[in-house]
N, C-alpha and C. Protein backbone atom coordinates (compact mmCIF):
# COMPACT_ATOMS: atom_id res chain seq x y z
N MET A 1 8.75 -50.21 27.53
CA MET A 1 8.45 -51.17 26.48
C MET A 1 7.39 -50.58 25.56
N SER A 2 7.49 -50.88 24.29
CA SER A 2 6.53 -50.38 23.33
C SER A 2 5.27 -51.24 23.35
N SER A 3 4.23 -50.79 22.64
CA SER A 3 2.98 -51.56 22.60
C SER A 3 3.15 -52.86 21.83
N ASP A 4 4.23 -53.00 21.06
CA ASP A 4 4.49 -54.23 20.32
C ASP A 4 5.34 -55.21 21.10
N THR A 5 5.67 -54.89 22.35
CA THR A 5 6.55 -55.72 23.15
C THR A 5 5.74 -56.74 23.94
N VAL A 6 6.20 -57.98 23.91
CA VAL A 6 5.51 -59.05 24.62
C VAL A 6 6.53 -59.88 25.37
N VAL A 7 6.28 -60.09 26.66
CA VAL A 7 7.10 -60.99 27.46
C VAL A 7 6.46 -62.36 27.37
N VAL A 8 7.20 -63.36 26.90
CA VAL A 8 6.60 -64.68 26.72
C VAL A 8 6.81 -65.58 27.92
N ASP A 9 7.21 -65.02 29.04
CA ASP A 9 7.48 -65.83 30.22
C ASP A 9 6.43 -65.69 31.30
N SER A 10 5.25 -65.27 30.95
CA SER A 10 4.20 -65.07 31.94
C SER A 10 3.36 -66.33 32.11
N VAL A 11 4.03 -67.44 32.37
CA VAL A 11 3.37 -68.73 32.56
C VAL A 11 2.92 -68.83 34.01
N PRO A 12 1.66 -69.22 34.26
CA PRO A 12 1.20 -69.32 35.65
C PRO A 12 2.09 -70.23 36.47
N SER A 13 2.45 -69.79 37.68
CA SER A 13 3.36 -70.56 38.52
C SER A 13 2.72 -71.86 39.03
N ASP A 14 1.39 -71.93 39.01
CA ASP A 14 0.71 -73.16 39.45
C ASP A 14 1.09 -74.34 38.58
N ASP A 15 1.46 -74.08 37.34
CA ASP A 15 1.79 -75.14 36.39
C ASP A 15 3.21 -75.65 36.57
N LYS A 16 4.00 -75.01 37.45
CA LYS A 16 5.39 -75.38 37.68
C LYS A 16 6.21 -75.31 36.39
N LEU A 17 5.84 -74.42 35.51
CA LEU A 17 6.57 -74.21 34.26
C LEU A 17 7.19 -72.82 34.29
N VAL A 18 8.34 -72.71 33.66
CA VAL A 18 9.00 -71.41 33.56
C VAL A 18 9.41 -71.18 32.11
N GLY A 19 9.73 -69.93 31.81
CA GLY A 19 10.16 -69.58 30.46
C GLY A 19 11.67 -69.43 30.41
N ILE A 20 12.14 -68.70 29.39
CA ILE A 20 13.57 -68.56 29.19
C ILE A 20 14.06 -67.12 29.37
N GLY A 21 13.15 -66.16 29.56
CA GLY A 21 13.54 -64.80 29.89
C GLY A 21 13.88 -63.90 28.73
N ILE A 22 13.16 -64.04 27.63
CA ILE A 22 13.37 -63.17 26.49
C ILE A 22 12.14 -62.29 26.30
N VAL A 23 12.37 -60.99 26.16
CA VAL A 23 11.30 -60.05 25.85
C VAL A 23 11.37 -59.81 24.34
N PHE A 24 10.27 -60.10 23.65
CA PHE A 24 10.23 -59.95 22.19
C PHE A 24 9.48 -58.70 21.78
N ASN A 25 9.89 -58.14 20.68
CA ASN A 25 9.20 -57.03 20.03
C ASN A 25 8.69 -57.58 18.70
N GLU A 26 7.38 -57.51 18.50
CA GLU A 26 6.78 -58.02 17.27
C GLU A 26 6.82 -56.91 16.22
N GLU A 27 7.73 -57.04 15.29
CA GLU A 27 7.88 -56.05 14.23
C GLU A 27 7.88 -56.73 12.87
N ALA A 28 7.24 -56.10 11.91
CA ALA A 28 7.32 -56.54 10.51
C ALA A 28 7.17 -58.06 10.37
N ASN A 29 6.19 -58.62 11.06
CA ASN A 29 5.90 -60.05 10.92
C ASN A 29 7.03 -60.96 11.40
N CYS A 30 7.82 -60.48 12.38
CA CYS A 30 8.87 -61.33 12.95
C CYS A 30 9.01 -61.00 14.43
N LEU A 31 9.64 -61.91 15.15
CA LEU A 31 9.87 -61.73 16.58
C LEU A 31 11.33 -61.35 16.81
N LEU A 32 11.56 -60.13 17.24
CA LEU A 32 12.91 -59.65 17.52
C LEU A 32 13.14 -59.61 19.02
N VAL A 33 14.31 -60.03 19.46
CA VAL A 33 14.67 -59.96 20.87
C VAL A 33 14.83 -58.48 21.22
N GLU A 34 14.02 -58.02 22.18
CA GLU A 34 14.14 -56.63 22.64
C GLU A 34 15.11 -56.56 23.82
N SER A 35 14.95 -57.49 24.76
CA SER A 35 15.83 -57.51 25.93
C SER A 35 15.77 -58.88 26.59
N LEU A 36 16.66 -59.07 27.56
CA LEU A 36 16.71 -60.31 28.33
C LEU A 36 16.39 -60.00 29.78
N VAL A 37 15.64 -60.87 30.41
CA VAL A 37 15.26 -60.68 31.81
C VAL A 37 16.45 -61.04 32.69
N PRO A 38 16.86 -60.14 33.60
CA PRO A 38 17.98 -60.44 34.50
C PRO A 38 17.73 -61.72 35.30
N GLY A 39 18.75 -62.57 35.35
CA GLY A 39 18.66 -63.82 36.10
C GLY A 39 18.04 -64.96 35.33
N SER A 40 17.65 -64.72 34.09
CA SER A 40 17.00 -65.76 33.29
C SER A 40 18.01 -66.67 32.61
N GLY A 41 17.51 -67.77 32.09
CA GLY A 41 18.36 -68.69 31.34
C GLY A 41 18.93 -68.07 30.09
N ALA A 42 18.15 -67.23 29.42
CA ALA A 42 18.64 -66.57 28.20
C ALA A 42 19.81 -65.65 28.51
N GLU A 43 19.72 -64.93 29.63
CA GLU A 43 20.82 -64.05 30.01
C GLU A 43 22.04 -64.88 30.39
N ALA A 44 21.83 -65.95 31.15
CA ALA A 44 22.93 -66.78 31.63
C ALA A 44 23.70 -67.46 30.49
N CYS A 45 23.02 -67.83 29.42
CA CYS A 45 23.71 -68.54 28.34
C CYS A 45 24.66 -67.61 27.58
N GLY A 46 24.37 -66.31 27.53
CA GLY A 46 25.27 -65.35 26.89
C GLY A 46 25.27 -65.36 25.38
N ASP A 47 24.39 -66.12 24.76
CA ASP A 47 24.37 -66.22 23.30
C ASP A 47 23.20 -65.52 22.63
N VAL A 48 22.32 -64.90 23.40
CA VAL A 48 21.16 -64.22 22.84
C VAL A 48 21.37 -62.72 22.96
N LEU A 49 21.14 -62.00 21.87
CA LEU A 49 21.36 -60.55 21.85
C LEU A 49 20.11 -59.79 21.42
N PRO A 50 19.91 -58.59 21.95
CA PRO A 50 18.85 -57.73 21.41
C PRO A 50 19.07 -57.56 19.91
N GLY A 51 17.99 -57.64 19.17
CA GLY A 51 18.06 -57.54 17.72
C GLY A 51 18.04 -58.88 17.01
N ASP A 52 18.34 -59.98 17.74
CA ASP A 52 18.25 -61.31 17.14
C ASP A 52 16.79 -61.59 16.76
N GLU A 53 16.60 -62.29 15.66
CA GLU A 53 15.26 -62.68 15.23
C GLU A 53 15.05 -64.16 15.53
N LEU A 54 13.94 -64.49 16.18
CA LEU A 54 13.62 -65.87 16.51
C LEU A 54 13.07 -66.58 15.28
N LEU A 55 13.68 -67.73 14.95
CA LEU A 55 13.25 -68.50 13.79
C LEU A 55 12.55 -69.80 14.17
N THR A 56 13.17 -70.56 15.10
CA THR A 56 12.58 -71.83 15.52
C THR A 56 12.71 -72.03 17.03
N ILE A 57 11.82 -72.85 17.56
CA ILE A 57 11.89 -73.31 18.95
C ILE A 57 11.81 -74.82 18.91
N ASP A 58 12.84 -75.48 19.41
CA ASP A 58 12.93 -76.95 19.37
C ASP A 58 12.58 -77.49 17.98
N GLY A 59 13.10 -76.83 16.96
CA GLY A 59 12.92 -77.29 15.58
C GLY A 59 11.62 -76.87 14.92
N LYS A 60 10.71 -76.25 15.64
CA LYS A 60 9.42 -75.82 15.08
C LYS A 60 9.55 -74.39 14.56
N ASP A 61 9.22 -74.19 13.30
CA ASP A 61 9.28 -72.86 12.68
C ASP A 61 8.24 -71.95 13.32
N VAL A 62 8.70 -70.81 13.84
CA VAL A 62 7.80 -69.86 14.49
C VAL A 62 7.80 -68.50 13.77
N THR A 63 8.37 -68.44 12.58
CA THR A 63 8.40 -67.17 11.85
C THR A 63 6.97 -66.74 11.54
N GLY A 64 6.70 -65.48 11.75
CA GLY A 64 5.39 -64.92 11.48
C GLY A 64 4.37 -65.12 12.59
N GLN A 65 4.73 -65.84 13.65
CA GLN A 65 3.80 -66.05 14.76
C GLN A 65 3.92 -64.92 15.77
N LYS A 66 2.89 -64.73 16.54
CA LYS A 66 2.88 -63.74 17.61
C LYS A 66 3.55 -64.33 18.85
N ALA A 67 4.13 -63.46 19.66
CA ALA A 67 4.83 -63.91 20.86
C ALA A 67 3.91 -64.67 21.80
N ALA A 68 2.69 -64.22 21.95
CA ALA A 68 1.75 -64.92 22.84
C ALA A 68 1.52 -66.36 22.39
N ALA A 69 1.57 -66.59 21.08
CA ALA A 69 1.33 -67.93 20.55
C ALA A 69 2.50 -68.87 20.80
N ILE A 70 3.69 -68.35 21.01
CA ILE A 70 4.85 -69.22 21.21
C ILE A 70 5.19 -69.43 22.68
N ALA A 71 4.45 -68.78 23.58
CA ALA A 71 4.74 -68.89 25.01
C ALA A 71 4.75 -70.34 25.48
N LYS A 72 3.83 -71.14 25.00
CA LYS A 72 3.77 -72.55 25.41
C LYS A 72 4.96 -73.34 24.90
N LEU A 73 5.56 -72.89 23.80
CA LEU A 73 6.70 -73.61 23.23
C LEU A 73 7.99 -73.38 24.04
N VAL A 74 8.12 -72.22 24.66
CA VAL A 74 9.33 -71.95 25.43
C VAL A 74 9.17 -72.34 26.89
N ALA A 75 7.96 -72.55 27.34
CA ALA A 75 7.72 -72.90 28.74
C ALA A 75 8.02 -74.37 28.99
N GLY A 76 8.55 -74.64 30.19
CA GLY A 76 8.83 -76.01 30.57
C GLY A 76 9.29 -76.07 32.02
N PRO A 77 9.57 -77.26 32.50
CA PRO A 77 10.02 -77.42 33.89
C PRO A 77 11.36 -76.74 34.13
N VAL A 78 11.57 -76.27 35.36
CA VAL A 78 12.83 -75.67 35.76
C VAL A 78 13.96 -76.66 35.47
N GLU A 79 15.08 -76.15 34.97
CA GLU A 79 16.30 -76.90 34.63
C GLU A 79 16.18 -77.75 33.38
N SER A 80 15.03 -77.74 32.69
CA SER A 80 14.95 -78.40 31.39
C SER A 80 15.52 -77.43 30.35
N THR A 81 15.76 -77.91 29.16
CA THR A 81 16.35 -77.05 28.14
C THR A 81 15.43 -76.89 26.94
N VAL A 82 15.65 -75.80 26.22
CA VAL A 82 14.96 -75.53 24.98
C VAL A 82 16.02 -75.07 23.99
N VAL A 83 15.86 -75.47 22.74
CA VAL A 83 16.80 -75.07 21.70
C VAL A 83 16.10 -74.10 20.77
N ILE A 84 16.68 -72.90 20.64
CA ILE A 84 16.11 -71.91 19.74
C ILE A 84 17.10 -71.60 18.63
N THR A 85 16.57 -71.23 17.48
CA THR A 85 17.40 -70.81 16.36
C THR A 85 17.13 -69.34 16.13
N LEU A 86 18.22 -68.57 16.03
CA LEU A 86 18.12 -67.13 15.88
C LEU A 86 18.83 -66.69 14.60
N LEU A 87 18.34 -65.62 14.02
CA LEU A 87 19.03 -64.96 12.91
C LEU A 87 19.71 -63.74 13.49
N ARG A 88 21.03 -63.70 13.37
CA ARG A 88 21.81 -62.58 13.89
C ARG A 88 22.33 -61.78 12.70
N ARG A 89 22.01 -60.51 12.70
CA ARG A 89 22.48 -59.64 11.64
C ARG A 89 23.95 -59.28 11.85
N SER A 90 24.61 -58.90 10.79
CA SER A 90 26.03 -58.57 10.88
C SER A 90 26.25 -57.44 11.87
N GLY A 91 27.38 -57.48 12.53
CA GLY A 91 27.73 -56.44 13.50
C GLY A 91 27.35 -56.75 14.92
N GLN A 92 26.49 -57.73 15.16
CA GLN A 92 26.12 -58.12 16.51
C GLN A 92 27.11 -59.15 17.01
N ARG A 93 27.53 -59.03 18.28
CA ARG A 93 28.43 -60.01 18.88
C ARG A 93 27.98 -60.27 20.30
N SER A 94 27.92 -61.53 20.66
CA SER A 94 27.57 -61.89 22.03
C SER A 94 28.81 -61.75 22.91
N GLU A 95 28.61 -61.80 24.23
CA GLU A 95 29.73 -61.73 25.16
C GLU A 95 30.68 -62.90 24.92
N LYS A 96 30.13 -64.08 24.64
CA LYS A 96 30.97 -65.25 24.40
C LYS A 96 31.82 -65.07 23.15
N GLU A 97 31.23 -64.50 22.09
CA GLU A 97 31.98 -64.29 20.85
C GLU A 97 33.06 -63.24 21.05
N GLY A 98 32.83 -62.30 21.96
CA GLY A 98 33.79 -61.22 22.20
C GLY A 98 34.94 -61.63 23.09
N GLU A 99 34.78 -62.71 23.85
CA GLU A 99 35.83 -63.14 24.78
C GLU A 99 37.07 -63.56 24.00
N GLY A 100 38.19 -63.00 24.39
CA GLY A 100 39.45 -63.39 23.75
C GLY A 100 39.63 -62.84 22.36
N ALA A 101 38.75 -61.99 21.90
CA ALA A 101 38.88 -61.44 20.56
C ALA A 101 40.06 -60.48 20.52
N ASP A 102 40.82 -60.55 19.45
CA ASP A 102 41.97 -59.68 19.26
C ASP A 102 41.48 -58.28 18.90
N ALA A 103 42.04 -57.27 19.52
CA ALA A 103 41.64 -55.89 19.27
C ALA A 103 41.91 -55.50 17.83
N HIS A 104 42.77 -56.24 17.13
CA HIS A 104 43.08 -55.92 15.75
C HIS A 104 42.28 -56.76 14.77
N ASP A 105 41.31 -57.48 15.26
CA ASP A 105 40.47 -58.32 14.42
C ASP A 105 39.67 -57.44 13.47
N THR A 106 39.85 -57.64 12.18
CA THR A 106 39.18 -56.79 11.19
C THR A 106 38.16 -57.56 10.37
N GLU A 107 37.87 -58.78 10.77
CA GLU A 107 36.94 -59.60 9.99
C GLU A 107 35.60 -58.90 9.79
N ALA A 108 35.06 -58.28 10.86
CA ALA A 108 33.75 -57.63 10.77
C ALA A 108 33.80 -56.40 9.88
N ALA A 109 34.98 -55.87 9.60
CA ALA A 109 35.09 -54.64 8.82
C ALA A 109 35.26 -54.90 7.33
N THR A 110 35.36 -56.16 6.91
CA THR A 110 35.53 -56.42 5.50
C THR A 110 34.24 -56.12 4.75
N PRO A 111 34.34 -55.60 3.53
CA PRO A 111 33.14 -55.20 2.78
C PRO A 111 32.14 -56.33 2.58
N ASP A 112 32.62 -57.57 2.34
CA ASP A 112 31.70 -58.67 2.09
C ASP A 112 30.90 -59.06 3.32
N SER A 113 31.44 -58.82 4.52
CA SER A 113 30.75 -59.26 5.73
C SER A 113 29.68 -58.27 6.20
N GLU A 114 29.61 -57.09 5.59
CA GLU A 114 28.62 -56.10 6.01
C GLU A 114 27.20 -56.59 5.83
N HIS A 115 26.97 -57.46 4.85
CA HIS A 115 25.61 -57.90 4.55
C HIS A 115 25.38 -59.35 4.95
N GLU A 116 26.34 -59.94 5.63
CA GLU A 116 26.20 -61.33 6.03
C GLU A 116 25.36 -61.44 7.29
N HIS A 117 24.61 -62.51 7.37
CA HIS A 117 23.83 -62.82 8.55
C HIS A 117 24.28 -64.18 9.04
N GLU A 118 24.07 -64.42 10.31
CA GLU A 118 24.51 -65.67 10.92
C GLU A 118 23.32 -66.35 11.57
N ILE A 119 23.23 -67.65 11.41
CA ILE A 119 22.21 -68.44 12.10
C ILE A 119 22.85 -68.99 13.37
N LYS A 120 22.23 -68.73 14.52
CA LYS A 120 22.72 -69.19 15.81
C LYS A 120 21.74 -70.21 16.36
N VAL A 121 22.24 -71.38 16.72
CA VAL A 121 21.44 -72.39 17.41
C VAL A 121 21.89 -72.35 18.87
N VAL A 122 20.95 -72.05 19.77
CA VAL A 122 21.28 -71.81 21.16
C VAL A 122 20.45 -72.72 22.06
N GLU A 123 21.12 -73.40 23.00
CA GLU A 123 20.43 -74.20 24.00
C GLU A 123 20.36 -73.39 25.28
N ILE A 124 19.14 -73.23 25.79
CA ILE A 124 18.92 -72.41 26.99
C ILE A 124 18.30 -73.28 28.07
N THR A 125 18.85 -73.19 29.27
CA THR A 125 18.28 -73.90 30.42
C THR A 125 17.24 -73.00 31.07
N ARG A 126 16.06 -73.54 31.25
CA ARG A 126 14.99 -72.78 31.91
C ARG A 126 15.34 -72.63 33.39
N THR A 127 15.26 -71.42 33.90
CA THR A 127 15.58 -71.16 35.30
C THR A 127 14.38 -70.57 36.01
N ASP A 128 14.37 -70.72 37.30
CA ASP A 128 13.28 -70.21 38.13
C ASP A 128 13.62 -68.78 38.55
N PHE A 129 13.44 -67.84 37.63
CA PHE A 129 13.74 -66.44 37.91
C PHE A 129 12.45 -65.70 38.19
N ARG A 130 12.55 -64.55 38.82
CA ARG A 130 11.38 -63.73 39.14
C ARG A 130 11.28 -62.64 38.10
N CYS A 131 10.28 -62.72 37.26
CA CYS A 131 10.10 -61.75 36.17
C CYS A 131 9.23 -60.60 36.66
N MET A 132 9.86 -59.50 37.06
CA MET A 132 9.11 -58.36 37.57
C MET A 132 8.32 -57.66 36.46
N VAL A 133 8.75 -57.80 35.22
CA VAL A 133 8.05 -57.17 34.09
C VAL A 133 6.64 -57.73 33.96
N CYS A 134 6.52 -59.04 34.18
CA CYS A 134 5.21 -59.68 33.95
C CYS A 134 4.53 -60.09 35.24
N ASP A 135 5.04 -59.68 36.38
CA ASP A 135 4.48 -60.09 37.66
C ASP A 135 3.38 -59.09 38.07
N SER A 136 2.14 -59.51 37.90
CA SER A 136 1.02 -58.62 38.25
C SER A 136 0.52 -58.89 39.67
N SER A 137 1.19 -59.80 40.39
CA SER A 137 0.71 -60.15 41.73
C SER A 137 1.40 -59.35 42.83
N VAL A 138 2.27 -58.41 42.46
CA VAL A 138 2.97 -57.61 43.45
C VAL A 138 1.99 -56.68 44.13
N GLU A 139 1.96 -56.74 45.46
CA GLU A 139 1.03 -55.90 46.21
C GLU A 139 1.67 -54.55 46.52
N ASN A 140 0.85 -53.48 46.50
CA ASN A 140 1.36 -52.14 46.80
C ASN A 140 1.28 -51.87 48.27
């Protein structure tokens, strides 16, 4: 992970709150999805991709904020949900979007679609996953 990478799921377990399992990279005044934590709600939903830009959390605009500042917005009780809005640049496809796609589908190859962006509204269920990236309590 780069020095600009922040895991926003490092919520103390004493609070009985969990995150959604997205690792963000803070670039150019925006939060870009760098990766998804295995076993997390974000991975399970199948609609979040590396490169997506986070725009809102439960309707609250988070553009220009640091990942550490939004940690409280994504944290919540296990099995509760959070709704995030993402900006997806052209050429990105989630596993769900790829399911059943015709191999001859040329929509993405049309000249006009090269510069199109898509807004994705995604509901993620918070899961009780073990985030090894942010777990500093592991004993050697």
